[in-house]
Amino acid sequence: MTTKLTLTVEKSIIERAKVYAKNTGRSLSEIIEKYLETITEEVSNQKTSPKLKKIIGVVKLPKDFDEDKELTSYFEGKHL
């Protein structure tokens, strides 16, 4: 269920956020919802690296994404 939320935000920030949303093909509501979800998420997901947590919501990864497997594959390709 979705609920309407009214926010008071500096006009220049809203304008920049709308441009960002348009450039990333998402709605402003979707970005804000994902941000709120991320900051309120429980610490139970310890496996996700801090760098990945910073970009959550910006990059859409498949649900079955395995960070360890991808890192191993990347480093093997780079160093072998």
N, C-alpha and C. Protein backbone atom coordinates (compact mmCIF):
# COMPACT_ATOMS: atom_id res chain seq x y z
N MET A 1 0.84 -1.17 0.00
CA MET A 1 0.00 0.00 0.00
C MET A 1 0.89 1.24 0.00
N THR A 2 0.61 2.17 -0.86
CA THR A 2 1.35 3.42 -0.89
C THR A 2 0.56 4.50 -0.16
N THR A 3 1.29 5.44 0.41
CA THR A 3 0.69 6.54 1.14
C THR A 3 1.34 7.83 0.68
N LYS A 4 0.57 8.86 0.54
CA LYS A 4 1.08 10.16 0.13
C LYS A 4 1.86 10.78 1.28
N LEU A 5 2.99 11.41 0.95
CA LEU A 5 3.85 12.05 1.94
C LEU A 5 4.16 13.46 1.46
N THR A 6 3.98 14.44 2.32
CA THR A 6 4.31 15.81 1.97
C THR A 6 5.61 16.19 2.66
N LEU A 7 6.57 16.68 1.88
CA LEU A 7 7.87 17.08 2.41
C LEU A 7 8.12 18.55 2.12
N THR A 8 8.91 19.16 2.97
CA THR A 8 9.36 20.53 2.73
C THR A 8 10.85 20.45 2.47
N VAL A 9 11.25 20.79 1.24
CA VAL A 9 12.64 20.68 0.83
C VAL A 9 13.02 21.94 0.06
N GLU A 10 14.25 22.36 0.21
CA GLU A 10 14.76 23.53 -0.51
C GLU A 10 14.49 23.38 -2.01
N LYS A 11 13.97 24.44 -2.63
CA LYS A 11 13.57 24.40 -4.03
C LYS A 11 14.71 23.96 -4.96
N SER A 12 15.90 24.47 -4.74
CA SER A 12 17.03 24.12 -5.62
C SER A 12 17.37 22.64 -5.53
N ILE A 13 17.19 22.06 -4.37
CA ILE A 13 17.46 20.63 -4.20
C ILE A 13 16.41 19.81 -4.95
N ILE A 14 15.16 20.24 -4.86
CA ILE A 14 14.09 19.54 -5.58
C ILE A 14 14.34 19.59 -7.09
N GLU A 15 14.74 20.75 -7.59
CA GLU A 15 15.01 20.89 -9.02
C GLU A 15 16.14 19.96 -9.46
N ARG A 16 17.23 19.93 -8.68
CA ARG A 16 18.36 19.04 -9.02
C ARG A 16 17.93 17.58 -8.92
N ALA A 17 17.13 17.26 -7.93
CA ALA A 17 16.66 15.88 -7.74
C ALA A 17 15.77 15.44 -8.89
N LYS A 18 14.94 16.32 -9.39
CA LYS A 18 14.07 15.99 -10.52
C LYS A 18 14.90 15.72 -11.78
N VAL A 19 15.94 16.51 -12.00
CA VAL A 19 16.84 16.29 -13.14
C VAL A 19 17.53 14.94 -12.98
N TYR A 20 18.02 14.67 -11.77
CA TYR A 20 18.69 13.39 -11.50
C TYR A 20 17.73 12.22 -11.75
N ALA A 21 16.51 12.34 -11.27
CA ALA A 21 15.52 11.27 -11.46
C ALA A 21 15.26 11.05 -12.94
N LYS A 22 15.10 12.12 -13.68
CA LYS A 22 14.84 12.00 -15.12
C LYS A 22 16.01 11.34 -15.82
N ASN A 23 17.23 11.74 -15.47
CA ASN A 23 18.43 11.19 -16.10
C ASN A 23 18.65 9.72 -15.77
N THR A 24 18.13 9.27 -14.65
CA THR A 24 18.30 7.86 -14.27
C THR A 24 17.07 7.02 -14.58
N GLY A 25 16.06 7.65 -15.18
CA GLY A 25 14.87 6.91 -15.58
C GLY A 25 14.00 6.44 -14.43
N ARG A 26 14.02 7.20 -13.34
CA ARG A 26 13.20 6.85 -12.18
C ARG A 26 12.40 8.06 -11.74
N SER A 27 11.40 7.81 -10.92
CA SER A 27 10.63 8.92 -10.38
C SER A 27 11.29 9.40 -9.09
N LEU A 28 11.00 10.63 -8.74
CA LEU A 28 11.51 11.18 -7.50
C LEU A 28 10.97 10.39 -6.31
N SER A 29 9.72 9.98 -6.40
CA SER A 29 9.12 9.17 -5.33
C SER A 29 9.88 7.85 -5.15
N GLU A 30 10.24 7.22 -6.28
CA GLU A 30 10.98 5.95 -6.21
C GLU A 30 12.34 6.14 -5.55
N ILE A 31 13.03 7.22 -5.88
CA ILE A 31 14.34 7.49 -5.29
C ILE A 31 14.22 7.72 -3.79
N ILE A 32 13.26 8.52 -3.39
CA ILE A 32 13.07 8.81 -1.96
C ILE A 32 12.65 7.56 -1.21
N GLU A 33 11.75 6.77 -1.80
CA GLU A 33 11.32 5.53 -1.15
C GLU A 33 12.50 4.59 -0.96
N LYS A 34 13.34 4.44 -1.98
CA LYS A 34 14.50 3.55 -1.89
C LYS A 34 15.48 4.06 -0.82
N TYR A 35 15.67 5.36 -0.78
CA TYR A 35 16.55 5.94 0.24
C TYR A 35 16.03 5.65 1.64
N LEU A 36 14.74 5.89 1.86
CA LEU A 36 14.15 5.63 3.18
C LEU A 36 14.23 4.15 3.53
N GLU A 37 14.02 3.30 2.55
CA GLU A 37 14.12 1.86 2.78
C GLU A 37 15.54 1.49 3.19
N THR A 38 16.52 2.07 2.51
CA THR A 38 17.93 1.76 2.79
C THR A 38 18.34 2.20 4.19
N ILE A 39 17.97 3.42 4.58
CA ILE A 39 18.42 3.91 5.89
C ILE A 39 17.68 3.27 7.05
N THR A 40 16.53 2.68 6.78
CA THR A 40 15.78 2.04 7.86
C THR A 40 15.94 0.53 7.88
N GLU A 41 16.71 0.01 6.93
CA GLU A 41 16.93 -1.44 6.84
C GLU A 41 17.72 -1.91 8.06
N GLU A 42 17.38 -3.07 8.54
CA GLU A 42 18.09 -3.62 9.69
C GLU A 42 19.51 -4.00 9.30
N VAL A 43 20.38 -4.09 10.27
CA VAL A 43 21.79 -4.40 10.05
C VAL A 43 21.98 -5.88 9.72
N SER A 44 20.92 -6.59 9.50
CA SER A 44 21.00 -8.03 9.26
C SER A 44 21.74 -8.39 7.98
N ASN A 45 21.89 -7.45 7.08
CA ASN A 45 22.56 -7.73 5.81
C ASN A 45 24.04 -7.36 5.91
N GLN A 46 24.80 -8.05 6.74
CA GLN A 46 26.21 -7.75 6.98
C GLN A 46 27.10 -8.10 5.79
N LYS A 47 26.63 -8.93 4.88
CA LYS A 47 27.44 -9.38 3.75
C LYS A 47 27.69 -8.27 2.73
N THR A 48 26.82 -7.30 2.64
CA THR A 48 26.96 -6.23 1.66
C THR A 48 28.06 -5.27 2.09
N SER A 49 28.99 -5.01 1.18
CA SER A 49 30.12 -4.14 1.49
C SER A 49 29.66 -2.69 1.64
N PRO A 50 30.42 -1.88 2.39
CA PRO A 50 30.06 -0.47 2.55
C PRO A 50 30.01 0.28 1.22
N LYS A 51 30.91 -0.05 0.29
CA LYS A 51 30.90 0.61 -1.01
C LYS A 51 29.62 0.31 -1.76
N LEU A 52 29.17 -0.93 -1.70
CA LEU A 52 27.94 -1.32 -2.38
C LEU A 52 26.74 -0.64 -1.72
N LYS A 53 26.75 -0.53 -0.40
CA LYS A 53 25.65 0.13 0.29
C LYS A 53 25.48 1.58 -0.14
N LYS A 54 26.62 2.25 -0.46
CA LYS A 54 26.56 3.64 -0.90
C LYS A 54 25.80 3.79 -2.21
N ILE A 55 25.87 2.77 -3.07
CA ILE A 55 25.23 2.90 -4.38
C ILE A 55 23.90 2.17 -4.48
N ILE A 56 23.45 1.59 -3.39
CA ILE A 56 22.16 0.92 -3.41
C ILE A 56 21.10 1.94 -3.78
N GLY A 57 20.29 1.59 -4.74
CA GLY A 57 19.28 2.50 -5.24
C GLY A 57 19.70 3.20 -6.50
N VAL A 58 21.02 3.36 -6.69
CA VAL A 58 21.54 3.97 -7.89
C VAL A 58 21.72 2.91 -8.96
N VAL A 59 22.28 1.79 -8.55
CA VAL A 59 22.51 0.67 -9.47
C VAL A 59 21.50 -0.42 -9.14
N LYS A 60 20.82 -0.90 -10.15
CA LYS A 60 19.84 -1.96 -9.92
C LYS A 60 20.49 -3.30 -10.24
N LEU A 61 20.74 -4.10 -9.20
CA LEU A 61 21.36 -5.41 -9.34
C LEU A 61 20.29 -6.49 -9.28
N PRO A 62 20.55 -7.61 -9.94
CA PRO A 62 19.60 -8.72 -9.85
C PRO A 62 19.51 -9.23 -8.41
N LYS A 63 18.38 -9.79 -8.05
CA LYS A 63 18.18 -10.30 -6.68
C LYS A 63 19.18 -11.39 -6.32
N ASP A 64 19.63 -12.16 -7.33
CA ASP A 64 20.57 -13.25 -7.06
C ASP A 64 22.03 -12.82 -7.22
N PHE A 65 22.31 -11.51 -7.20
CA PHE A 65 23.67 -11.01 -7.35
C PHE A 65 24.55 -11.50 -6.21
N ASP A 66 25.70 -12.08 -6.56
CA ASP A 66 26.64 -12.61 -5.58
C ASP A 66 27.90 -11.75 -5.63
N GLU A 67 28.03 -10.84 -4.68
CA GLU A 67 29.15 -9.90 -4.67
C GLU A 67 30.49 -10.62 -4.61
N ASP A 68 30.61 -11.63 -3.75
CA ASP A 68 31.88 -12.36 -3.62
C ASP A 68 32.27 -13.03 -4.94
N LYS A 69 31.30 -13.65 -5.59
CA LYS A 69 31.56 -14.32 -6.87
C LYS A 69 32.01 -13.32 -7.92
N GLU A 70 31.34 -12.17 -7.99
CA GLU A 70 31.68 -11.15 -8.98
C GLU A 70 33.05 -10.55 -8.71
N LEU A 71 33.38 -10.30 -7.45
CA LEU A 71 34.71 -9.78 -7.12
C LEU A 71 35.80 -10.78 -7.48
N THR A 72 35.57 -12.05 -7.16
CA THR A 72 36.54 -13.09 -7.49
C THR A 72 36.74 -13.14 -9.00
N SER A 73 35.67 -13.14 -9.75
CA SER A 73 35.74 -13.17 -11.21
C SER A 73 36.50 -11.95 -11.75
N TYR A 74 36.22 -10.80 -11.20
CA TYR A 74 36.88 -9.56 -11.64
C TYR A 74 38.39 -9.64 -11.40
N PHE A 75 38.79 -10.03 -10.18
CA PHE A 75 40.20 -10.08 -9.86
C PHE A 75 40.93 -11.18 -10.62
N GLU A 76 40.27 -12.30 -10.86
CA GLU A 76 40.88 -13.36 -11.66
C GLU A 76 41.14 -12.87 -13.07
N GLY A 77 40.20 -12.16 -13.64
CA GLY A 77 40.36 -11.62 -14.99
C GLY A 77 41.42 -10.54 -15.06
N LYS A 78 41.55 -9.78 -14.00
CA LYS A 78 42.51 -8.69 -13.98
C LYS A 78 43.94 -9.18 -13.73
N HIS A 79 44.10 -10.18 -12.90
CA HIS A 79 45.44 -10.58 -12.45
C HIS A 79 45.91 -11.91 -13.00
N LEU A 80 45.08 -12.64 -13.70
CA LEU A 80 45.53 -13.94 -14.24
C LEU A 80 45.67 -13.89 -15.73
